[in-house]
Amino acid sequence: MRLRSTRKIAHPRVTARLATALAFAAVASGLLGGGTAQAYEVESGSFAFSGDPGEYISAGQSYAYTDGEGSPDGMTVQGYTSNGVGTGVGVFVDSASGDIWSLHLEAPWGPSQPLVPGTYTGAKANPAPGEPRIELRGNGRDCLAEGSFTIRSVEFATHGYVKSLDASFEQHCPGATESLRGEVRVSNPEPPAETVLGLQVAADGVADRDTGRATVHGTVTCNSPVTVQSYGTVSQTVEGVVVRGSYRTEVACVPGEPTPWTAQATPTGTVPFQRGEATVTARTTGTDPFYGHTITSDYTGTLQLAKR
């Protein structure tokens, strides 16, 4: 399947089974810490492996999958990062035949060691510090694998986006003489732009004489559709007393023009908001719909409250 927008696109079967693949990834990435990029479909890719007779994971069989224009198979890819450095890759296969596989290849466990071209020996599914990681599992079979892999080429972009991967691997279960061997290739387009938020609070508001609340309003902007939380604190000094109240509202931001929002801040004490100048400290926050990281925009300024 090809990426047709800056958002993650769901393959018809990946929608139903991606949770399983991501569960693999969550357990896997938790072993090594660091950051984990969101999984997304590859533009084109291939994944193949075969096992010796009696090899447990492959059941001694051969498997081959492709993803691309018109392909019935689905492949997603996930980058692992540490301090902004690409340290590993997870590849997930959801085939038309019902097979589900996950492959994890990671640089030796250590402070921000990048995954680069070369051969990594002594790899394990549960590595100790200084050891690389290899783990192919799926179709209900897994083990504490051991083996090696060769990265012929790999290219990471922002937030662990995997632009390309070409690798081979070999693994066996502990104590077994039988091994499986395979190759994986992934090719993706340039990474989508990150979602950028903007926040404005209008210079006018309303102090409600009945409730004592301050009604404020403003806009948020974005370059891709995203639902955000817009919240803040309104402060005002009334006859030497500082009046404060907080507000929060949800906004479905639409690209192309500012999306309006309105919210009410309830004073925390017994003194209500009054007509006059007030200060607002505000933030809007959400999750980048493609990369999955938190995005924010802040605002601090003054406004005039009118009495209603």
C-alpha atoms as a PDB file:
ATOM      1  CA  MET A   1       0.000   0.000   0.000  1.00  0.00           C
ATOM      2  CA  ARG A   2       1.271   3.473  -0.807  1.00  0.00           C
ATOM      3  CA  LEU A   3       1.192   6.422   1.526  1.00  0.00           C
ATOM      4  CA  ARG A   4      -1.265   8.857   0.030  1.00  0.00           C
ATOM      5  CA  SER A   5      -1.189  11.562   2.693  1.00  0.00           C
ATOM      6  CA  THR A   6       0.805  12.730   5.688  1.00  0.00           C
ATOM      7  CA  ARG A   7      -1.257  10.546   7.996  1.00  0.00           C
ATOM      8  CA  LYS A   8      -0.925   6.868   8.732  1.00  0.00           C
ATOM      9  CA  ILE A   9      -3.051   4.866   6.298  1.00  0.00           C
ATOM     10  CA  ALA A  10      -4.740   1.691   7.476  1.00  0.00           C
ATOM     11  CA  HIS A  11      -4.404  -1.420   5.346  1.00  0.00           C
ATOM     12  CA  PRO A  12      -7.753  -3.318   5.262  1.00  0.00           C
ATOM     13  CA  ARG A  13      -6.262  -6.186   7.269  1.00  0.00           C
ATOM     14  CA  VAL A  14      -3.784  -4.087   9.242  1.00  0.00           C
ATOM     15  CA  THR A  15      -6.752  -2.273  10.772  1.00  0.00           C
ATOM     16  CA  ALA A  16      -7.942  -5.539  12.260  1.00  0.00           C
ATOM     17  CA  ARG A  17      -4.557  -6.920  13.246  1.00  0.00           C
ATOM     18  CA  LEU A  18      -2.245  -3.968  13.810  1.00  0.00           C
ATOM     19  CA  ALA A  19      -2.984  -4.121  17.535  1.00  0.00           C
ATOM     20  CA  THR A  20      -1.279  -7.513  17.620  1.00  0.00           C
ATOM     21  CA  ALA A  21       1.778  -6.197  15.825  1.00  0.00           C
ATOM     22  CA  LEU A  22       1.970  -3.163  18.063  1.00  0.00           C
ATOM     23  CA  ALA A  23       1.684  -5.381  21.107  1.00  0.00           C
ATOM     24  CA  PHE A  24       4.785  -7.204  19.860  1.00  0.00           C
ATOM     25  CA  ALA A  25       6.492  -3.827  19.447  1.00  0.00           C
ATOM     26  CA  ALA A  26       5.468  -2.534  22.859  1.00  0.00           C
ATOM     27  CA  VAL A  27       6.953  -5.551  24.610  1.00  0.00           C
ATOM     28  CA  ALA A  28      10.023  -5.461  22.425  1.00  0.00           C
ATOM     29  CA  SER A  29      10.830  -1.786  22.769  1.00  0.00           C
ATOM     30  CA  GLY A  30      10.258  -1.944  26.506  1.00  0.00           C
ATOM     31  CA  LEU A  31      13.254  -4.266  26.807  1.00  0.00           C
ATOM     32  CA  LEU A  32      15.654  -1.642  25.586  1.00  0.00           C
ATOM     33  CA  GLY A  33      14.034   1.622  26.630  1.00  0.00           C
ATOM     34  CA  GLY A  34      14.449   4.772  24.561  1.00  0.00           C
ATOM     35  CA  GLY A  35      11.863   6.086  22.143  1.00  0.00           C
ATOM     36  CA  THR A  36       9.591   4.189  19.818  1.00  0.00           C
ATOM     37  CA  ALA A  37       8.178   5.747  16.668  1.00  0.00           C
ATOM     38  CA  GLN A  38       4.648   4.997  15.626  1.00  0.00           C
ATOM     39  CA  ALA A  39       4.269   2.034  13.253  1.00  0.00           C
ATOM     40  CA  TYR A  40       3.163   2.904   9.720  1.00  0.00           C
ATOM     41  CA  GLU A  41       2.760   1.124   6.408  1.00  0.00           C
ATOM     42  CA  VAL A  42       5.649   0.812   4.017  1.00  0.00           C
ATOM     43  CA  GLU A  43       5.374   2.125   0.482  1.00  0.00           C
ATOM     44  CA  SER A  44       7.065  -0.990  -0.850  1.00  0.00           C
ATOM     45  CA  GLY A  45       8.815  -3.878   0.833  1.00  0.00           C
ATOM     46  CA  SER A  46       9.656  -7.545   0.851  1.00  0.00           C
ATOM     47  CA  PHE A  47      10.153 -10.030   3.658  1.00  0.00           C
ATOM     48  CA  ALA A  48      11.235 -13.652   3.239  1.00  0.00           C
ATOM     49  CA  PHE A  49      12.723 -16.376   5.407  1.00  0.00           C
ATOM     50  CA  SER A  50      13.015 -20.145   5.606  1.00  0.00           C
ATOM     51  CA  GLY A  51      14.003 -22.611   8.271  1.00  0.00           C
ATOM     52  CA  ASP A  52      15.923 -25.843   8.470  1.00  0.00           C
ATOM     53  CA  PRO A  53      13.793 -28.978   8.907  1.00  0.00           C
ATOM     54  CA  GLY A  54      12.589 -29.034  12.500  1.00  0.00           C
ATOM     55  CA  GLU A  55      13.338 -25.340  13.170  1.00  0.00           C
ATOM     56  CA  TYR A  56      10.692 -24.168  15.642  1.00  0.00           C
ATOM     57  CA  ILE A  57       9.749 -20.615  14.595  1.00  0.00           C
ATOM     58  CA  SER A  58       9.439 -21.354  10.879  1.00  0.00           C
ATOM     59  CA  ALA A  59       8.199 -24.922  11.437  1.00  0.00           C
ATOM     60  CA  GLY A  60      10.775 -25.843   8.790  1.00  0.00           C
ATOM     61  CA  GLN A  61       8.852 -23.927   6.117  1.00  0.00           C
ATOM     62  CA  SER A  62       9.623 -21.069   3.719  1.00  0.00           C
ATOM     63  CA  TYR A  63       7.709 -17.778   3.675  1.00  0.00           C
ATOM     64  CA  ALA A  64       7.764 -14.782   1.330  1.00  0.00           C
ATOM     65  CA  TYR A  65       5.715 -11.579   1.416  1.00  0.00           C
ATOM     66  CA  THR A  66       5.659  -8.307  -0.495  1.00  0.00           C
ATOM     67  CA  ASP A  67       3.919  -5.001   0.018  1.00  0.00           C
ATOM     68  CA  GLY A  68       3.440  -2.419  -2.695  1.00  0.00           C
ATOM     69  CA  GLU A  69       0.970  -1.290  -5.299  1.00  0.00           C
ATOM     70  CA  GLY A  70      -1.622  -4.060  -5.740  1.00  0.00           C
ATOM     71  CA  SER A  71      -0.043  -6.407  -3.191  1.00  0.00           C
ATOM     72  CA  PRO A  72      -2.438  -8.421  -0.993  1.00  0.00           C
ATOM     73  CA  ASP A  73       0.070  -8.504   1.882  1.00  0.00           C
ATOM     74  CA  GLY A  74       0.540  -5.755   4.446  1.00  0.00           C
ATOM     75  CA  MET A  75       3.809  -4.590   6.016  1.00  0.00           C
ATOM     76  CA  THR A  76       4.314  -1.945   8.671  1.00  0.00           C
ATOM     77  CA  VAL A  77       7.613  -0.602   9.958  1.00  0.00           C
ATOM     78  CA  GLN A  78       8.638   1.046  13.211  1.00  0.00           C
ATOM     79  CA  GLY A  79      11.829   2.828  14.186  1.00  0.00           C
ATOM     80  CA  TYR A  80      13.406   2.750  17.650  1.00  0.00           C
ATOM     81  CA  THR A  81      15.358   5.796  18.794  1.00  0.00           C
ATOM     82  CA  SER A  82      17.459   7.021  21.707  1.00  0.00           C
ATOM     83  CA  ASN A  83      18.243  10.721  22.083  1.00  0.00           C
ATOM     84  CA  GLY A  84      17.191  11.248  18.479  1.00  0.00           C
ATOM     85  CA  VAL A  85      19.439   8.465  17.135  1.00  0.00           C
ATOM     86  CA  GLY A  86      17.950   5.562  15.164  1.00  0.00           C
ATOM     87  CA  THR A  87      18.895   2.459  17.153  1.00  0.00           C
ATOM     88  CA  GLY A  88      16.693  -0.240  15.657  1.00  0.00           C
ATOM     89  CA  VAL A  89      13.851  -1.289  13.400  1.00  0.00           C
ATOM     90  CA  GLY A  90      10.723  -3.380  13.843  1.00  0.00           C
ATOM     91  CA  VAL A  91       9.029  -4.858  10.773  1.00  0.00           C
ATOM     92  CA  PHE A  92       5.534  -6.348  10.991  1.00  0.00           C
ATOM     93  CA  VAL A  93       3.865  -8.571   8.407  1.00  0.00           C
ATOM     94  CA  ASP A  94       0.129  -9.161   8.125  1.00  0.00           C
ATOM     95  CA  SER A  95      -0.308 -11.437   5.133  1.00  0.00           C
ATOM     96  CA  ALA A  96      -3.291 -12.246   2.979  1.00  0.00           C
ATOM     97  CA  SER A  97      -2.920 -15.874   4.083  1.00  0.00           C
ATOM     98  CA  GLY A  98      -3.384 -14.926   7.736  1.00  0.00           C
ATOM     99  CA  ASP A  99       0.285 -15.128   8.776  1.00  0.00           C
ATOM    100  CA  ILE A 100       1.458 -12.539  11.317  1.00  0.00           C
ATOM    101  CA  TRP A 101       5.177 -11.962  11.943  1.00  0.00           C
ATOM    102  CA  SER A 102       7.325  -9.396  13.713  1.00  0.00           C
ATOM    103  CA  LEU A 103      11.058  -8.920  13.244  1.00  0.00           C
ATOM    104  CA  HIS A 104      13.223  -6.743  15.494  1.00  0.00           C
ATOM    105  CA  LEU A 105      16.803  -5.770  14.677  1.00  0.00           C
ATOM    106  CA  GLU A 106      18.550  -3.412  17.091  1.00  0.00           C
ATOM    107  CA  ALA A 107      22.049  -2.079  17.695  1.00  0.00           C
ATOM    108  CA  PRO A 108      23.857  -3.145  20.881  1.00  0.00           C
ATOM    109  CA  TRP A 109      22.124  -2.008  24.021  1.00  0.00           C
ATOM    110  CA  GLY A 110      23.933   1.102  25.207  1.00  0.00           C
ATOM    111  CA  PRO A 111      23.847   4.902  25.243  1.00  0.00           C
ATOM    112  CA  SER A 112      22.419   5.965  21.884  1.00  0.00           C
ATOM    113  CA  GLN A 113      24.273   3.420  19.743  1.00  0.00           C
ATOM    114  CA  PRO A 114      23.049   3.903  16.159  1.00  0.00           C
ATOM    115  CA  LEU A 115      22.005   1.084  13.873  1.00  0.00           C
ATOM    116  CA  VAL A 116      24.417   1.373  10.920  1.00  0.00           C
ATOM    117  CA  PRO A 117      25.533  -0.864   8.035  1.00  0.00           C
ATOM    118  CA  GLY A 118      27.577  -3.831   9.189  1.00  0.00           C
ATOM    119  CA  THR A 119      27.274  -7.324  10.637  1.00  0.00           C
ATOM    120  CA  TYR A 120      26.051  -7.751  14.203  1.00  0.00           C
ATOM    121  CA  THR A 121      26.976 -11.038  15.851  1.00  0.00           C
ATOM    122  CA  GLY A 122      25.976 -12.391  19.249  1.00  0.00           C
ATOM    123  CA  ALA A 123      22.480 -10.943  18.920  1.00  0.00           C
ATOM    124  CA  LYS A 124      19.744 -12.113  21.283  1.00  0.00           C
ATOM    125  CA  ALA A 125      16.033 -11.654  21.790  1.00  0.00           C
ATOM    126  CA  ASN A 126      16.742 -10.574  25.361  1.00  0.00           C
ATOM    127  CA  PRO A 127      20.143  -8.870  25.096  1.00  0.00           C
ATOM    128  CA  ALA A 128      22.417  -7.795  27.918  1.00  0.00           C
ATOM    129  CA  PRO A 129      24.148  -4.392  27.810  1.00  0.00           C
ATOM    130  CA  GLY A 130      26.460  -4.218  24.801  1.00  0.00           C
ATOM    131  CA  GLU A 131      24.636  -6.967  22.893  1.00  0.00           C
ATOM    132  CA  PRO A 132      22.535  -6.413  19.733  1.00  0.00           C
ATOM    133  CA  ARG A 133      19.010  -7.689  19.471  1.00  0.00           C
ATOM    134  CA  ILE A 134      17.407 -10.063  17.010  1.00  0.00           C
ATOM    135  CA  GLU A 135      13.948 -11.545  17.282  1.00  0.00           C
ATOM    136  CA  LEU A 136      11.630 -13.016  14.684  1.00  0.00           C
ATOM    137  CA  ARG A 137       8.383 -14.382  16.052  1.00  0.00           C
ATOM    138  CA  GLY A 138       4.787 -14.870  14.991  1.00  0.00           C
ATOM    139  CA  ASN A 139       2.035 -17.319  14.121  1.00  0.00           C
ATOM    140  CA  GLY A 140       1.898 -18.150  17.833  1.00  0.00           C
ATOM    141  CA  ARG A 141       5.583 -19.166  18.065  1.00  0.00           C
ATOM    142  CA  ASP A 142       8.465 -17.403  19.766  1.00  0.00           C
ATOM    143  CA  CYS A 143      11.597 -18.205  21.747  1.00  0.00           C
ATOM    144  CA  LEU A 144      14.557 -16.405  23.306  1.00  0.00           C
ATOM    145  CA  ALA A 145      16.291 -16.355  19.959  1.00  0.00           C
ATOM    146  CA  GLU A 146      20.018 -16.000  19.314  1.00  0.00           C
ATOM    147  CA  GLY A 147      21.743 -15.175  16.055  1.00  0.00           C
ATOM    148  CA  SER A 148      23.218 -12.465  13.874  1.00  0.00           C
ATOM    149  CA  PHE A 149      22.153  -9.974  11.234  1.00  0.00           C
ATOM    150  CA  THR A 150      23.709  -7.804   8.549  1.00  0.00           C
ATOM    151  CA  ILE A 151      22.504  -4.297   7.802  1.00  0.00           C
ATOM    152  CA  ARG A 152      23.393  -3.642   4.167  1.00  0.00           C
ATOM    153  CA  SER A 153      21.786  -0.207   4.295  1.00  0.00           C
ATOM    154  CA  VAL A 154      19.448   1.732   6.569  1.00  0.00           C
ATOM    155  CA  GLU A 155      18.214   5.328   6.571  1.00  0.00           C
ATOM    156  CA  PHE A 156      16.336   7.008   9.398  1.00  0.00           C
ATOM    157  CA  ALA A 157      14.606  10.383   9.286  1.00  0.00           C
ATOM    158  CA  THR A 158      12.828  12.507  11.878  1.00  0.00           C
ATOM    159  CA  HIS A 159      11.308  10.786  14.926  1.00  0.00           C
ATOM    160  CA  GLY A 160      12.551   7.340  13.913  1.00  0.00           C
ATOM    161  CA  TYR A 161      10.889   7.356  10.492  1.00  0.00           C
ATOM    162  CA  VAL A 162      12.468   4.500   8.528  1.00  0.00           C
ATOM    163  CA  LYS A 163      13.074   5.685   4.991  1.00  0.00           C
ATOM    164  CA  SER A 164      14.857   2.516   3.855  1.00  0.00           C
ATOM    165  CA  LEU A 165      16.170  -0.805   5.122  1.00  0.00           C
ATOM    166  CA  ASP A 166      18.027  -3.668   3.477  1.00  0.00           C
ATOM    167  CA  ALA A 167      19.062  -6.458   5.846  1.00  0.00           C
ATOM    168  CA  SER A 168      19.615 -10.185   6.193  1.00  0.00           C
ATOM    169  CA  PHE A 169      19.359 -12.242   9.370  1.00  0.00           C
ATOM    170  CA  GLU A 170      19.864 -15.670  10.898  1.00  0.00           C
ATOM    171  CA  GLN A 171      18.545 -16.945  14.220  1.00  0.00           C
ATOM    172  CA  HIS A 172      17.976 -20.131  16.209  1.00  0.00           C
ATOM    173  CA  CYS A 173      16.238 -21.000  19.449  1.00  0.00           C
ATOM    174  CA  PRO A 174      18.436 -21.676  22.534  1.00  0.00           C
ATOM    175  CA  GLY A 175      20.199 -25.020  22.339  1.00  0.00           C
ATOM    176  CA  ALA A 176      18.883 -25.760  18.851  1.00  0.00           C
ATOM    177  CA  THR A 177      21.102 -26.640  15.908  1.00  0.00           C
ATOM    178  CA  GLU A 178      18.396 -25.756  13.380  1.00  0.00           C
ATOM    179  CA  SER A 179      18.318 -22.140  12.159  1.00  0.00           C
ATOM    180  CA  LEU A 180      16.167 -19.877  10.038  1.00  0.00           C
ATOM    181  CA  ARG A 181      17.518 -17.331   7.572  1.00  0.00           C
ATOM    182  CA  GLY A 182      15.876 -14.410   5.865  1.00  0.00           C
ATOM    183  CA  GLU A 183      15.992 -10.998   4.256  1.00  0.00           C
ATOM    184  CA  VAL A 184      13.943  -7.826   4.568  1.00  0.00           C
ATOM    185  CA  ARG A 185      13.769  -4.717   2.397  1.00  0.00           C
ATOM    186  CA  VAL A 186      11.763  -1.550   2.999  1.00  0.00           C
ATOM    187  CA  SER A 187      11.468   1.597   0.897  1.00  0.00           C
ATOM    188  CA  ASN A 188       9.489   4.694   1.885  1.00  0.00           C
ATOM    189  CA  PRO A 189       9.023   8.220   0.517  1.00  0.00           C
ATOM    190  CA  GLU A 190      10.308  11.366   2.186  1.00  0.00           C
ATOM    191  CA  PRO A 191       8.901  11.690   5.726  1.00  0.00           C
ATOM    192  CA  PRO A 192       5.699  13.689   6.157  1.00  0.00           C
ATOM    193  CA  ALA A 193       5.969  17.121   7.741  1.00  0.00           C
ATOM    194  CA  GLU A 194       5.501  17.279  11.490  1.00  0.00           C
ATOM    195  CA  THR A 195       2.235  18.731  12.731  1.00  0.00           C
ATOM    196  CA  VAL A 196       2.698  22.298  13.948  1.00  0.00           C
ATOM    197  CA  LEU A 197       0.188  24.001  16.251  1.00  0.00           C
ATOM    198  CA  GLY A 198      -0.533  27.681  16.798  1.00  0.00           C
ATOM    199  CA  LEU A 199      -2.553  29.273  19.597  1.00  0.00           C
ATOM    200  CA  GLN A 200      -4.129  32.703  19.947  1.00  0.00           C
ATOM    201  CA  VAL A 201      -6.296  34.073  22.758  1.00  0.00           C
ATOM    202  CA  ALA A 202      -8.530  37.003  21.813  1.00  0.00           C
ATOM    203  CA  ALA A 203      -7.944  40.365  23.477  1.00  0.00           C
ATOM    204  CA  ASP A 204     -11.550  40.554  24.669  1.00  0.00           C
ATOM    205  CA  GLY A 205     -13.514  38.423  27.137  1.00  0.00           C
ATOM    206  CA  VAL A 206     -16.543  38.551  29.404  1.00  0.00           C
ATOM    207  CA  ALA A 207     -16.912  38.592  33.192  1.00  0.00           C
ATOM    208  CA  ASP A 208     -20.309  37.061  34.046  1.00  0.00           C
ATOM    209  CA  ARG A 209     -21.996  39.035  36.836  1.00  0.00           C
ATOM    210  CA  ASP A 210     -24.129  36.031  37.876  1.00  0.00           C
ATOM    211  CA  THR A 211     -21.541  33.211  37.956  1.00  0.00           C
ATOM    212  CA  GLY A 212     -18.360  35.204  38.400  1.00  0.00           C
ATOM    213  CA  ARG A 213     -16.755  33.267  35.566  1.00  0.00           C
ATOM    214  CA  ALA A 214     -14.556  34.680  32.825  1.00  0.00           C
ATOM    215  CA  THR A 215     -15.393  33.653  29.287  1.00  0.00           C
ATOM    216  CA  VAL A 216     -12.399  33.675  26.952  1.00  0.00           C
ATOM    217  CA  HIS A 217     -12.051  32.705  23.332  1.00  0.00           C
ATOM    218  CA  GLY A 218      -9.445  32.318  20.636  1.00  0.00           C
ATOM    219  CA  THR A 219      -8.224  30.130  17.791  1.00  0.00           C
ATOM    220  CA  VAL A 220      -5.870  27.253  17.124  1.00  0.00           C
ATOM    221  CA  THR A 221      -4.099  26.541  13.857  1.00  0.00           C
ATOM    222  CA  CYS A 222      -2.535  23.353  12.472  1.00  0.00           C
ATOM    223  CA  ASN A 223      -1.079  22.009   9.260  1.00  0.00           C
ATOM    224  CA  SER A 224      -2.805  18.602   9.526  1.00  0.00           C
ATOM    225  CA  PRO A 225      -6.131  17.564  11.095  1.00  0.00           C
ATOM    226  CA  VAL A 226      -5.703  16.949  14.825  1.00  0.00           C
ATOM    227  CA  THR A 227      -7.834  17.107  17.958  1.00  0.00           C
ATOM    228  CA  VAL A 228      -6.176  19.120  20.712  1.00  0.00           C
ATOM    229  CA  GLN A 229      -6.775  20.243  24.268  1.00  0.00           C
ATOM    230  CA  SER A 230      -6.723  24.013  24.752  1.00  0.00           C
ATOM    231  CA  TYR A 231      -6.379  25.094  28.377  1.00  0.00           C
ATOM    232  CA  GLY A 232      -5.086  27.907  30.496  1.00  0.00           C
ATOM    233  CA  THR A 233      -5.353  30.145  33.560  1.00  0.00           C
ATOM    234  CA  VAL A 234      -6.960  33.581  33.737  1.00  0.00           C
ATOM    235  CA  SER A 235      -5.654  35.913  36.468  1.00  0.00           C
ATOM    236  CA  GLN A 236      -6.955  39.296  37.569  1.00  0.00           C
ATOM    237  CA  THR A 237      -6.259  41.610  40.492  1.00  0.00           C
ATOM    238  CA  VAL A 238      -9.483  42.930  42.061  1.00  0.00           C
ATOM    239  CA  GLU A 239      -9.009  45.478  44.863  1.00  0.00           C
ATOM    240  CA  GLY A 240      -5.706  43.921  45.873  1.00  0.00           C
ATOM    241  CA  VAL A 241      -7.005  40.349  45.657  1.00  0.00           C
ATOM    242  CA  VAL A 242      -5.690  38.054  42.927  1.00  0.00           C
ATOM    243  CA  VAL A 243      -8.514  36.143  41.252  1.00  0.00           C
ATOM    244  CA  ARG A 244      -7.557  33.006  39.321  1.00  0.00           C
ATOM    245  CA  GLY A 245      -9.516  30.481  37.328  1.00  0.00           C
ATOM    246  CA  SER A 246      -8.656  27.690  34.906  1.00  0.00           C
ATOM    247  CA  TYR A 247     -10.371  26.508  31.743  1.00  0.00           C
ATOM    248  CA  ARG A 248     -10.038  23.552  29.372  1.00  0.00           C
ATOM    249  CA  THR A 249     -11.741  22.712  26.106  1.00  0.00           C
ATOM    250  CA  GLU A 250     -11.283  20.241  23.254  1.00  0.00           C
ATOM    251  CA  VAL A 251     -10.795  21.544  19.726  1.00  0.00           C
ATOM    252  CA  ALA A 252     -10.912  19.624  16.429  1.00  0.00           C
ATOM    253  CA  CYS A 253      -8.375  21.670  14.494  1.00  0.00           C
ATOM    254  CA  VAL A 254      -8.861  21.859  10.720  1.00  0.00           C
ATOM    255  CA  PRO A 255      -5.944  22.938   8.485  1.00  0.00           C
ATOM    256  CA  GLY A 256      -6.304  25.955   6.247  1.00  0.00           C
ATOM    257  CA  GLU A 257      -7.821  28.501   8.603  1.00  0.00           C
ATOM    258  CA  PRO A 258      -7.908  29.242  12.359  1.00  0.00           C
ATOM    259  CA  THR A 259     -10.314  26.997  14.300  1.00  0.00           C
ATOM    260  CA  PRO A 260     -12.241  28.942  16.977  1.00  0.00           C
ATOM    261  CA  TRP A 261     -12.745  27.871  20.576  1.00  0.00           C
ATOM    262  CA  THR A 262     -14.541  29.320  23.625  1.00  0.00           C
ATOM    263  CA  ALA A 263     -14.137  28.363  27.290  1.00  0.00           C
ATOM    264  CA  GLN A 264     -15.043  29.540  30.793  1.00  0.00           C
ATOM    265  CA  ALA A 265     -12.658  30.002  33.706  1.00  0.00           C
ATOM    266  CA  THR A 266     -14.237  29.554  37.150  1.00  0.00           C
ATOM    267  CA  PRO A 267     -12.613  31.544  39.973  1.00  0.00           C
ATOM    268  CA  THR A 268     -11.107  29.371  42.694  1.00  0.00           C
ATOM    269  CA  GLY A 269     -12.088  31.693  45.546  1.00  0.00           C
ATOM    270  CA  THR A 270     -15.143  33.726  46.510  1.00  0.00           C
ATOM    271  CA  VAL A 271     -14.156  36.848  44.562  1.00  0.00           C
ATOM    272  CA  PRO A 272     -15.618  36.850  41.024  1.00  0.00           C
ATOM    273  CA  PHE A 273     -13.924  38.080  37.870  1.00  0.00           C
ATOM    274  CA  GLN A 274     -14.675  41.749  37.212  1.00  0.00           C
ATOM    275  CA  ARG A 275     -14.622  44.176  34.320  1.00  0.00           C
ATOM    276  CA  GLY A 276     -11.081  45.218  33.453  1.00  0.00           C
ATOM    277  CA  GLU A 277      -7.701  43.853  32.461  1.00  0.00           C
ATOM    278  CA  ALA A 278      -6.746  40.236  33.059  1.00  0.00           C
ATOM    279  CA  THR A 279      -3.803  38.026  32.180  1.00  0.00           C
ATOM    280  CA  VAL A 280      -4.060  34.658  30.491  1.00  0.00           C
ATOM    281  CA  THR A 281      -1.433  31.924  30.317  1.00  0.00           C
ATOM    282  CA  ALA A 282      -2.507  29.242  27.852  1.00  0.00           C
ATOM    283  CA  ARG A 283      -1.387  26.103  26.071  1.00  0.00           C
ATOM    284  CA  THR A 284      -2.775  23.819  23.416  1.00  0.00           C
ATOM    285  CA  THR A 285      -1.515  20.256  23.195  1.00  0.00           C
ATOM    286  CA  GLY A 286      -2.191  17.152  21.127  1.00  0.00           C
ATOM    287  CA  THR A 287      -0.571  14.147  19.473  1.00  0.00           C
ATOM    288  CA  ASP A 288       1.033  14.272  16.048  1.00  0.00           C
ATOM    289  CA  PRO A 289      -1.309  12.075  13.948  1.00  0.00           C
ATOM    290  CA  PHE A 290       1.581  10.482  12.022  1.00  0.00           C
ATOM    291  CA  TYR A 291       4.610  10.396  14.321  1.00  0.00           C
ATOM    292  CA  GLY A 292       2.684   9.962  17.577  1.00  0.00           C
ATOM    293  CA  HIS A 293       4.666  12.422  19.713  1.00  0.00           C
ATOM    294  CA  THR A 294       3.192  15.257  21.796  1.00  0.00           C
ATOM    295  CA  ILE A 295       2.882  18.660  20.121  1.00  0.00           C
ATOM    296  CA  THR A 296       2.223  21.962  21.930  1.00  0.00           C
ATOM    297  CA  SER A 297       1.835  25.694  21.459  1.00  0.00           C
ATOM    298  CA  ASP A 298       1.905  28.313  24.246  1.00  0.00           C
ATOM    299  CA  TYR A 299       0.474  31.788  24.671  1.00  0.00           C
ATOM    300  CA  THR A 300       0.746  34.487  27.341  1.00  0.00           C
ATOM    301  CA  GLY A 301      -0.944  37.867  27.100  1.00  0.00           C
ATOM    302  CA  THR A 302      -3.541  40.270  28.425  1.00  0.00           C
ATOM    303  CA  LEU A 303      -7.236  40.748  27.661  1.00  0.00           C
ATOM    304  CA  GLN A 304     -10.000  43.092  28.659  1.00  0.00           C
ATOM    305  CA  LEU A 305     -13.015  41.589  30.397  1.00  0.00           C
ATOM    306  CA  ALA A 306     -16.357  43.281  29.796  1.00  0.00           C
ATOM    307  CA  LYS A 307     -19.240  42.891  32.244  1.00  0.00           C
ATOM    308  CA  ARG A 308     -22.279  40.907  31.222  1.00  0.00           C
END
